[in-house]
C-alpha atoms as a PDB file:
ATOM      1  CA  MET A   1      86.869 156.589 150.164  1.00  0.00           C
ATOM      2  CA  GLU A   2      88.515 153.996 148.018  1.00  0.00           C
ATOM      3  CA  ARG A   3      86.956 150.503 147.083  1.00  0.00           C
ATOM      4  CA  LYS A   4      89.821 148.837 149.760  1.00  0.00           C
ATOM      5  CA  TYR A   5      88.001 150.409 152.232  1.00  0.00           C
ATOM      6  CA  TRP A   6      84.121 149.542 151.680  1.00  0.00           C
ATOM      7  CA  GLU A   7      85.602 145.712 150.709  1.00  0.00           C
ATOM      8  CA  LYS A   8      87.393 145.925 154.627  1.00  0.00           C
ATOM      9  CA  ILE A   9      84.285 146.942 156.240  1.00  0.00           C
ATOM     10  CA  ALA A  10      81.676 145.166 153.992  1.00  0.00           C
ATOM     11  CA  PRO A  11      81.550 142.311 156.697  1.00  0.00           C
ATOM     12  CA  ASP A  12      80.845 144.446 159.538  1.00  0.00           C
ATOM     13  CA  TYR A  13      78.797 147.138 157.450  1.00  0.00           C
ATOM     14  CA  ASN A  14      75.436 146.807 159.735  1.00  0.00           C
ATOM     15  CA  GLU A  15      77.546 148.099 162.987  1.00  0.00           C
ATOM     16  CA  GLU A  16      80.060 150.507 161.378  1.00  0.00           C
ATOM     17  CA  ILE A  17      77.979 152.763 158.844  1.00  0.00           C
ATOM     18  CA  PHE A  18      75.060 154.690 159.900  1.00  0.00           C
ATOM     19  CA  ASP A  19      71.567 153.297 159.253  1.00  0.00           C
ATOM     20  CA  VAL A  20      69.907 155.820 157.341  1.00  0.00           C
ATOM     21  CA  LEU A  21      66.650 153.494 156.629  1.00  0.00           C
ATOM     22  CA  HIS A  22      66.331 152.437 159.986  1.00  0.00           C
ATOM     23  CA  ASN A  23      66.780 155.946 161.573  1.00  0.00           C
ATOM     24  CA  ASP A  24      64.581 157.894 159.014  1.00  0.00           C
ATOM     25  CA  LYS A  25      61.462 157.312 161.436  1.00  0.00           C
ATOM     26  CA  LYS A  26      59.141 159.345 159.552  1.00  0.00           C
ATOM     27  CA  ALA A  27      59.744 157.470 156.015  1.00  0.00           C
ATOM     28  CA  ILE A  28      60.427 160.552 154.518  1.00  0.00           C
ATOM     29  CA  ILE A  29      62.734 158.830 151.979  1.00  0.00           C
ATOM     30  CA  ARG A  30      60.449 156.126 151.074  1.00  0.00           C
ATOM     31  CA  SER A  31      57.635 158.319 150.133  1.00  0.00           C
ATOM     32  CA  ALA A  32      60.081 160.253 148.332  1.00  0.00           C
ATOM     33  CA  ILE A  33      60.981 157.060 145.947  1.00  0.00           C
ATOM     34  CA  LYS A  34      57.098 155.740 146.256  1.00  0.00           C
ATOM     35  CA  ARG A  35      55.902 159.304 144.149  1.00  0.00           C
ATOM     36  CA  VAL A  36      58.564 158.569 141.450  1.00  0.00           C
ATOM     37  CA  ALA A  37      58.049 154.823 141.516  1.00  0.00           C
ATOM     38  CA  SER A  38      56.248 152.810 138.686  1.00  0.00           C
ATOM     39  CA  ALA A  39      55.784 149.079 138.508  1.00  0.00           C
ATOM     40  CA  ARG A  40      57.094 149.644 134.515  1.00  0.00           C
ATOM     41  CA  ALA A  41      59.974 151.622 135.543  1.00  0.00           C
ATOM     42  CA  THR A  42      63.757 150.248 135.889  1.00  0.00           C
ATOM     43  CA  VAL A  43      65.520 152.008 139.092  1.00  0.00           C
ATOM     44  CA  ILE A  44      69.048 151.971 139.973  1.00  0.00           C
ATOM     45  CA  ASP A  45      70.611 151.742 143.294  1.00  0.00           C
ATOM     46  CA  ALA A  46      73.390 153.642 142.874  1.00  0.00           C
ATOM     47  CA  GLY A  47      76.102 152.571 145.921  1.00  0.00           C
ATOM     48  CA  CYS A  48      73.452 149.801 147.274  1.00  0.00           C
ATOM     49  CA  ALA A  49      76.214 148.668 149.745  1.00  0.00           C
ATOM     50  CA  VAL A  50      75.019 145.257 151.384  1.00  0.00           C
ATOM     51  CA  GLY A  51      71.431 146.052 149.574  1.00  0.00           C
ATOM     52  CA  LYS A  52      69.170 147.653 152.344  1.00  0.00           C
ATOM     53  CA  TRP A  53      66.854 149.580 150.441  1.00  0.00           C
ATOM     54  CA  LEU A  54      66.513 146.753 147.829  1.00  0.00           C
ATOM     55  CA  PRO A  55      63.268 145.492 149.570  1.00  0.00           C
ATOM     56  CA  VAL A  56      61.734 148.868 149.586  1.00  0.00           C
ATOM     57  CA  LEU A  57      62.716 149.067 145.631  1.00  0.00           C
ATOM     58  CA  SER A  58      61.838 145.591 144.408  1.00  0.00           C
ATOM     59  CA  PRO A  59      57.998 145.788 144.690  1.00  0.00           C
ATOM     60  CA  LEU A  60      58.053 149.117 143.311  1.00  0.00           C
ATOM     61  CA  PHE A  61      59.898 148.959 139.905  1.00  0.00           C
ATOM     62  CA  LYS A  62      59.953 146.474 137.158  1.00  0.00           C
ATOM     63  CA  ASN A  63      63.423 146.241 137.331  1.00  0.00           C
ATOM     64  CA  VAL A  64      66.034 147.215 139.834  1.00  0.00           C
ATOM     65  CA  ILE A  65      69.814 147.733 139.013  1.00  0.00           C
ATOM     66  CA  ALA A  66      72.022 147.327 142.099  1.00  0.00           C
ATOM     67  CA  VAL A  67      75.332 148.776 141.776  1.00  0.00           C
ATOM     68  CA  ASP A  68      77.974 149.304 144.406  1.00  0.00           C
ATOM     69  CA  ILE A  69      82.060 149.703 144.085  1.00  0.00           C
ATOM     70  CA  SER A  70      82.419 146.570 146.561  1.00  0.00           C
ATOM     71  CA  ALA A  71      82.265 143.116 145.182  1.00  0.00           C
ATOM     72  CA  ARG A  72      82.084 142.156 149.044  1.00  0.00           C
ATOM     73  CA  ASN A  73      78.870 144.335 149.248  1.00  0.00           C
ATOM     74  CA  ILE A  74      77.659 142.917 146.158  1.00  0.00           C
ATOM     75  CA  SER A  75      77.684 139.646 147.558  1.00  0.00           C
ATOM     76  CA  ILE A  76      76.112 140.091 150.418  1.00  0.00           C
ATOM     77  CA  ALA A  77      73.170 141.840 149.222  1.00  0.00           C
ATOM     78  CA  ARG A  78      72.766 138.965 146.589  1.00  0.00           C
ATOM     79  CA  LYS A  79      73.153 136.437 149.283  1.00  0.00           C
ATOM     80  CA  ASN A  80      70.383 138.438 151.594  1.00  0.00           C
ATOM     81  CA  TYR A  81      67.955 139.123 148.990  1.00  0.00           C
ATOM     82  CA  SER A  82      68.040 135.994 146.650  1.00  0.00           C
ATOM     83  CA  SER A  83      64.414 135.901 146.892  1.00  0.00           C
ATOM     84  CA  LEU A  84      63.913 139.118 145.224  1.00  0.00           C
ATOM     85  CA  SER A  85      63.788 137.873 141.665  1.00  0.00           C
ATOM     86  CA  ASN A  86      63.580 141.479 139.903  1.00  0.00           C
ATOM     87  CA  ILE A  87      67.340 142.514 141.044  1.00  0.00           C
ATOM     88  CA  SER A  88      70.426 142.262 138.883  1.00  0.00           C
ATOM     89  CA  TYR A  89      73.752 143.055 140.167  1.00  0.00           C
ATOM     90  CA  LEU A  90      77.082 145.144 138.738  1.00  0.00           C
ATOM     91  CA  ARG A  91      80.112 145.788 140.434  1.00  0.00           C
ATOM     92  CA  ALA A  92      81.393 149.188 139.193  1.00  0.00           C
ATOM     93  CA  ASP A  93      82.773 152.362 140.601  1.00  0.00           C
ATOM     94  CA  LEU A  94      80.555 155.423 140.186  1.00  0.00           C
ATOM     95  CA  SER A  95      83.234 157.323 140.758  1.00  0.00           C
ATOM     96  CA  SER A  96      85.687 156.696 137.665  1.00  0.00           C
ATOM     97  CA  ARG A  97      86.551 158.722 134.758  1.00  0.00           C
ATOM     98  CA  SER A  98      84.710 156.286 132.242  1.00  0.00           C
ATOM     99  CA  LEU A  99      81.842 154.067 132.904  1.00  0.00           C
ATOM    100  CA  ARG A 100      79.137 152.797 131.272  1.00  0.00           C
ATOM    101  CA  LEU A 101      75.581 152.041 133.185  1.00  0.00           C
ATOM    102  CA  PRO A 102      72.394 150.738 131.335  1.00  0.00           C
ATOM    103  CA  LYS A 103      69.702 153.432 130.937  1.00  0.00           C
ATOM    104  CA  ALA A 104      67.524 154.336 133.847  1.00  0.00           C
ATOM    105  CA  ASP A 105      63.983 156.004 134.635  1.00  0.00           C
ATOM    106  CA  VAL A 106      64.901 156.374 138.593  1.00  0.00           C
ATOM    107  CA  VAL A 107      68.147 156.392 140.459  1.00  0.00           C
ATOM    108  CA  VAL A 108      68.350 156.435 144.103  1.00  0.00           C
ATOM    109  CA  CYS A 109      71.178 157.207 145.608  1.00  0.00           C
ATOM    110  CA  ILE A 110      71.373 156.646 149.247  1.00  0.00           C
ATOM    111  CA  ASN A 111      74.702 158.469 151.123  1.00  0.00           C
ATOM    112  CA  ALA A 112      77.468 157.005 148.560  1.00  0.00           C
ATOM    113  CA  ILE A 113      78.691 160.374 147.025  1.00  0.00           C
ATOM    114  CA  LEU A 114      81.164 160.514 150.398  1.00  0.00           C
ATOM    115  CA  SER A 115      84.597 160.685 148.414  1.00  0.00           C
ATOM    116  CA  ALA A 116      87.121 163.412 149.768  1.00  0.00           C
ATOM    117  CA  SER A 117      87.883 163.922 146.068  1.00  0.00           C
ATOM    118  CA  MET A 118      86.425 166.492 144.015  1.00  0.00           C
ATOM    119  CA  PRO A 119      87.012 164.593 140.816  1.00  0.00           C
ATOM    120  CA  LYS A 120      85.576 161.651 141.912  1.00  0.00           C
ATOM    121  CA  ARG A 121      82.541 163.251 143.105  1.00  0.00           C
ATOM    122  CA  THR A 122      82.215 164.985 139.796  1.00  0.00           C
ATOM    123  CA  HIS A 123      82.328 161.631 138.115  1.00  0.00           C
ATOM    124  CA  PHE A 124      79.830 160.310 140.353  1.00  0.00           C
ATOM    125  CA  PHE A 125      77.576 163.360 139.650  1.00  0.00           C
ATOM    126  CA  SER A 126      78.045 163.039 135.918  1.00  0.00           C
ATOM    127  CA  HIS A 127      77.239 158.980 135.791  1.00  0.00           C
ATOM    128  CA  LEU A 128      73.912 159.715 137.988  1.00  0.00           C
ATOM    129  CA  SER A 129      72.780 162.206 135.000  1.00  0.00           C
ATOM    130  CA  ARG A 130      74.282 160.115 131.994  1.00  0.00           C
ATOM    131  CA  CYS A 131      72.416 157.048 133.022  1.00  0.00           C
ATOM    132  CA  LEU A 132      68.795 158.627 133.667  1.00  0.00           C
ATOM    133  CA  ASN A 133      66.483 158.996 131.229  1.00  0.00           C
ATOM    134  CA  LYS A 134      65.157 162.281 129.913  1.00  0.00           C
ATOM    135  CA  ASP A 135      62.315 163.495 132.846  1.00  0.00           C
ATOM    136  CA  GLY A 136      63.598 160.879 135.002  1.00  0.00           C
ATOM    137  CA  ALA A 137      64.160 161.459 138.512  1.00  0.00           C
ATOM    138  CA  LEU A 138      66.906 161.357 141.144  1.00  0.00           C
ATOM    139  CA  VAL A 139      66.280 160.516 144.724  1.00  0.00           C
ATOM    140  CA  LEU A 140      69.310 161.218 146.526  1.00  0.00           C
ATOM    141  CA  VAL A 141      70.546 161.411 150.454  1.00  0.00           C
ATOM    142  CA  VAL A 142      73.540 162.839 151.195  1.00  0.00           C
ATOM    143  CA  PRO A 143      75.546 164.302 154.724  1.00  0.00           C
ATOM    144  CA  SER A 144      74.332 168.020 155.658  1.00  0.00           C
ATOM    145  CA  MET A 145      77.402 170.699 156.345  1.00  0.00           C
ATOM    146  CA  GLU A 146      74.965 172.756 157.729  1.00  0.00           C
ATOM    147  CA  SER A 147      73.833 169.683 160.250  1.00  0.00           C
ATOM    148  CA  TRP A 148      77.428 169.097 160.966  1.00  0.00           C
ATOM    149  CA  LEU A 149      78.232 172.538 161.598  1.00  0.00           C
ATOM    150  CA  THR A 150      75.300 172.759 164.080  1.00  0.00           C
ATOM    151  CA  THR A 151      76.492 169.742 165.623  1.00  0.00           C
ATOM    152  CA  ARG A 152      79.839 171.104 166.751  1.00  0.00           C
ATOM    153  CA  VAL A 153      78.522 174.542 167.843  1.00  0.00           C
ATOM    154  CA  ILE A 154      76.337 172.469 170.337  1.00  0.00           C
ATOM    155  CA  GLN A 155      79.039 170.268 171.140  1.00  0.00           C
ATOM    156  CA  ARG A 156      81.001 173.188 172.426  1.00  0.00           C
ATOM    157  CA  ARG A 157      78.783 175.695 173.979  1.00  0.00           C
ATOM    158  CA  TRP A 158      77.658 172.962 176.220  1.00  0.00           C
ATOM    159  CA  ASN A 159      80.731 170.840 176.659  1.00  0.00           C
ATOM    160  CA  ILE A 160      78.730 167.471 175.203  1.00  0.00           C
ATOM    161  CA  ASP A 161      81.064 164.201 175.094  1.00  0.00           C
ATOM    162  CA  THR A 162      84.362 166.674 175.742  1.00  0.00           C
ATOM    163  CA  SER A 163      86.518 163.739 175.178  1.00  0.00           C
ATOM    164  CA  LEU A 164      85.562 162.453 171.769  1.00  0.00           C
ATOM    165  CA  PHE A 165      86.073 165.749 170.026  1.00  0.00           C
ATOM    166  CA  ARG A 166      89.596 167.011 169.652  1.00  0.00           C
ATOM    167  CA  ASP A 167      90.658 170.857 170.361  1.00  0.00           C
ATOM    168  CA  LYS A 168      94.274 170.643 169.903  1.00  0.00           C
ATOM    169  CA  LEU A 169      95.838 169.406 166.681  1.00  0.00           C
ATOM    170  CA  SER A 170      99.261 169.572 165.084  1.00  0.00           C
ATOM    171  CA  VAL A 171      99.917 172.088 162.677  1.00  0.00           C
ATOM    172  CA  ASP A 172     100.376 170.013 159.740  1.00  0.00           C
ATOM    173  CA  GLU A 173      96.720 168.028 160.692  1.00  0.00           C
ATOM    174  CA  ALA A 174      94.502 171.399 161.430  1.00  0.00           C
ATOM    175  CA  ALA A 175      96.194 172.651 157.917  1.00  0.00           C
ATOM    176  CA  LYS A 176      94.892 169.643 156.677  1.00  0.00           C
ATOM    177  CA  ARG A 177      91.901 169.590 157.662  1.00  0.00           C
ATOM    178  CA  TYR A 178      91.209 173.337 157.084  1.00  0.00           C
ATOM    179  CA  ARG A 179      91.657 172.417 153.203  1.00  0.00           C
ATOM    180  CA  ASN A 180      89.340 169.619 153.443  1.00  0.00           C
ATOM    181  CA  LEU A 181      86.908 171.682 155.320  1.00  0.00           C
ATOM    182  CA  GLN A 182      87.085 174.213 152.162  1.00  0.00           C
ATOM    183  CA  GLU A 183      86.048 171.449 150.053  1.00  0.00           C
ATOM    184  CA  GLY A 184      83.192 170.440 152.720  1.00  0.00           C
ATOM    185  CA  ASN A 185      85.183 167.477 153.598  1.00  0.00           C
ATOM    186  CA  VAL A 186      84.989 166.565 157.547  1.00  0.00           C
ATOM    187  CA  GLU A 187      86.267 163.794 159.672  1.00  0.00           C
ATOM    188  CA  ILE A 188      83.790 160.870 160.422  1.00  0.00           C
ATOM    189  CA  ASP A 189      85.293 158.543 162.412  1.00  0.00           C
ATOM    190  CA  ASN A 190      88.946 159.871 161.091  1.00  0.00           C
ATOM    191  CA  VAL A 191      87.722 159.352 157.531  1.00  0.00           C
ATOM    192  CA  ALA A 192      87.284 162.593 155.761  1.00  0.00           C
ATOM    193  CA  THR A 193      83.829 162.473 154.588  1.00  0.00           C
ATOM    194  CA  LYS A 194      82.029 164.872 151.951  1.00  0.00           C
ATOM    195  CA  HIS A 195      79.047 167.061 153.034  1.00  0.00           C
ATOM    196  CA  TYR A 196      76.781 169.154 151.332  1.00  0.00           C
ATOM    197  CA  MET A 197      75.139 172.635 151.652  1.00  0.00           C
ATOM    198  CA  GLU A 198      71.905 173.076 150.259  1.00  0.00           C
ATOM    199  CA  GLY A 199      72.793 175.802 147.853  1.00  0.00           C
ATOM    200  CA  GLU A 200      75.418 173.907 146.699  1.00  0.00           C
ATOM    201  CA  LEU A 201      73.619 170.609 145.923  1.00  0.00           C
ATOM    202  CA  GLN A 202      71.298 173.058 143.742  1.00  0.00           C
ATOM    203  CA  LEU A 203      74.260 174.266 141.696  1.00  0.00           C
ATOM    204  CA  LEU A 204      75.982 170.631 141.391  1.00  0.00           C
ATOM    205  CA  LEU A 205      72.483 169.208 140.043  1.00  0.00           C
ATOM    206  CA  SER A 206      71.628 172.314 137.567  1.00  0.00           C
ATOM    207  CA  ARG A 207      75.378 171.413 136.307  1.00  0.00           C
ATOM    208  CA  GLU A 208      74.143 168.265 135.378  1.00  0.00           C
ATOM    209  CA  GLY A 209      70.894 168.830 133.451  1.00  0.00           C
ATOM    210  CA  PHE A 210      68.609 168.404 136.615  1.00  0.00           C
ATOM    211  CA  GLU A 211      66.111 170.530 137.956  1.00  0.00           C
ATOM    212  CA  LEU A 212      65.328 170.334 141.591  1.00  0.00           C
ATOM    213  CA  ASP A 213      62.182 169.600 142.679  1.00  0.00           C
ATOM    214  CA  ARG A 214      62.775 169.703 146.345  1.00  0.00           C
ATOM    215  CA  CYS A 215      65.066 169.123 149.277  1.00  0.00           C
ATOM    216  CA  ARG A 216      64.305 168.724 152.448  1.00  0.00           C
ATOM    217  CA  LYS A 217      65.584 167.396 155.769  1.00  0.00           C
ATOM    218  CA  ILE A 218      65.657 163.989 156.996  1.00  0.00           C
ATOM    219  CA  GLU A 219      66.102 164.577 160.861  1.00  0.00           C
ATOM    220  CA  TYR A 220      67.503 162.136 163.157  1.00  0.00           C
ATOM    221  CA  SER A 221      67.797 161.842 167.098  1.00  0.00           C
ATOM    222  CA  TRP A 222      70.790 163.347 168.957  1.00  0.00           C
ATOM    223  CA  SER A 223      71.894 160.163 169.983  1.00  0.00           C
ATOM    224  CA  THR A 224      73.228 159.473 166.460  1.00  0.00           C
ATOM    225  CA  GLU A 225      75.695 162.279 166.962  1.00  0.00           C
ATOM    226  CA  PHE A 226      76.373 162.077 171.343  1.00  0.00           C
ATOM    227  CA  ILE A 227      77.100 159.492 173.418  1.00  0.00           C
ATOM    228  CA  ASP A 228      75.528 161.637 176.462  1.00  0.00           C
ATOM    229  CA  ALA A 229      73.391 164.176 174.565  1.00  0.00           C
ATOM    230  CA  PRO A 230      71.182 166.205 177.336  1.00  0.00           C
ATOM    231  CA  ARG A 231      67.736 165.577 177.823  1.00  0.00           C
ATOM    232  CA  TRP A 232      66.535 168.762 177.171  1.00  0.00           C
ATOM    233  CA  LEU A 233      68.324 168.994 173.507  1.00  0.00           C
ATOM    234  CA  LYS A 234      65.715 167.870 171.048  1.00  0.00           C
ATOM    235  CA  GLN A 235      65.355 169.924 167.986  1.00  0.00           C
ATOM    236  CA  PRO A 236      66.502 171.403 165.770  1.00  0.00           C
ATOM    237  CA  GLY A 237      68.128 167.428 165.450  1.00  0.00           C
ATOM    238  CA  PRO A 238      71.127 166.698 162.920  1.00  0.00           C
ATOM    239  CA  TRP A 239      69.929 165.824 159.375  1.00  0.00           C
ATOM    240  CA  ASP A 240      70.814 164.707 155.898  1.00  0.00           C
ATOM    241  CA  TRP A 241      69.510 166.392 153.008  1.00  0.00           C
ATOM    242  CA  LEU A 242      66.655 164.510 150.525  1.00  0.00           C
ATOM    243  CA  VAL A 243      67.068 166.111 147.105  1.00  0.00           C
ATOM    244  CA  VAL A 244      64.518 164.909 144.342  1.00  0.00           C
ATOM    245  CA  ALA A 245      65.146 166.101 141.101  1.00  0.00           C
ATOM    246  CA  LYS A 246      63.726 165.509 137.414  1.00  0.00           C
ATOM    247  CA  LYS A 247      66.690 165.109 134.374  1.00  0.00           C
ATOM    248  CA  VAL A 248      65.737 167.839 131.852  1.00  0.00           C
ATOM    249  CA  LYS A 249      68.913 168.087 129.391  1.00  0.00           C
END
């Protein structure tokens, strides 16, 4: 996902982009942030978008640095949360090759590392590591590949929302999607979007100097995946991965 995509979608962000904060009904992410928070610490909201997590972060930390690729997102966040005096804003592309970020004690990154480009994702993870002080904490949420596969298996087995799921693709489109799938990229609203496996996350983070503390599911309602979900369809629900990791190198 390029900068122009986020600049275009910024005015309609609330309607177009899945709201993790609202759908985390058990407040699991907020609890994870509270565990690593300190009134003396600096936190970076990496990929803050329009700033939905800023009211959560501001009371818990001394300083909050909101970083996003989109100038329009930053502008919206600055306007919406002008009353929060301990927030500074930075427009930056975290997937670029070279970037210098302020140092922080905690980094929160909620569904921001979504690019279908492996080099861009690699740069993003590297920047998260470099900006964290040693022994700092990373709270990371990413889409789950296991959840996406579970959703597709259930959809096909019980023929749910059949008009919304294409079974036939051109040869070129099928080949493209197959190549994408091998990197964990799947189509969400016709945009190739990176999804992650649990073991993959552990390996990626260890390569960037992190030690995994915990990895757990953030479960959602099936109404987030299907328009006409059967009433009997309850558990397991679809999920994102929440990872909490410590910077050790």
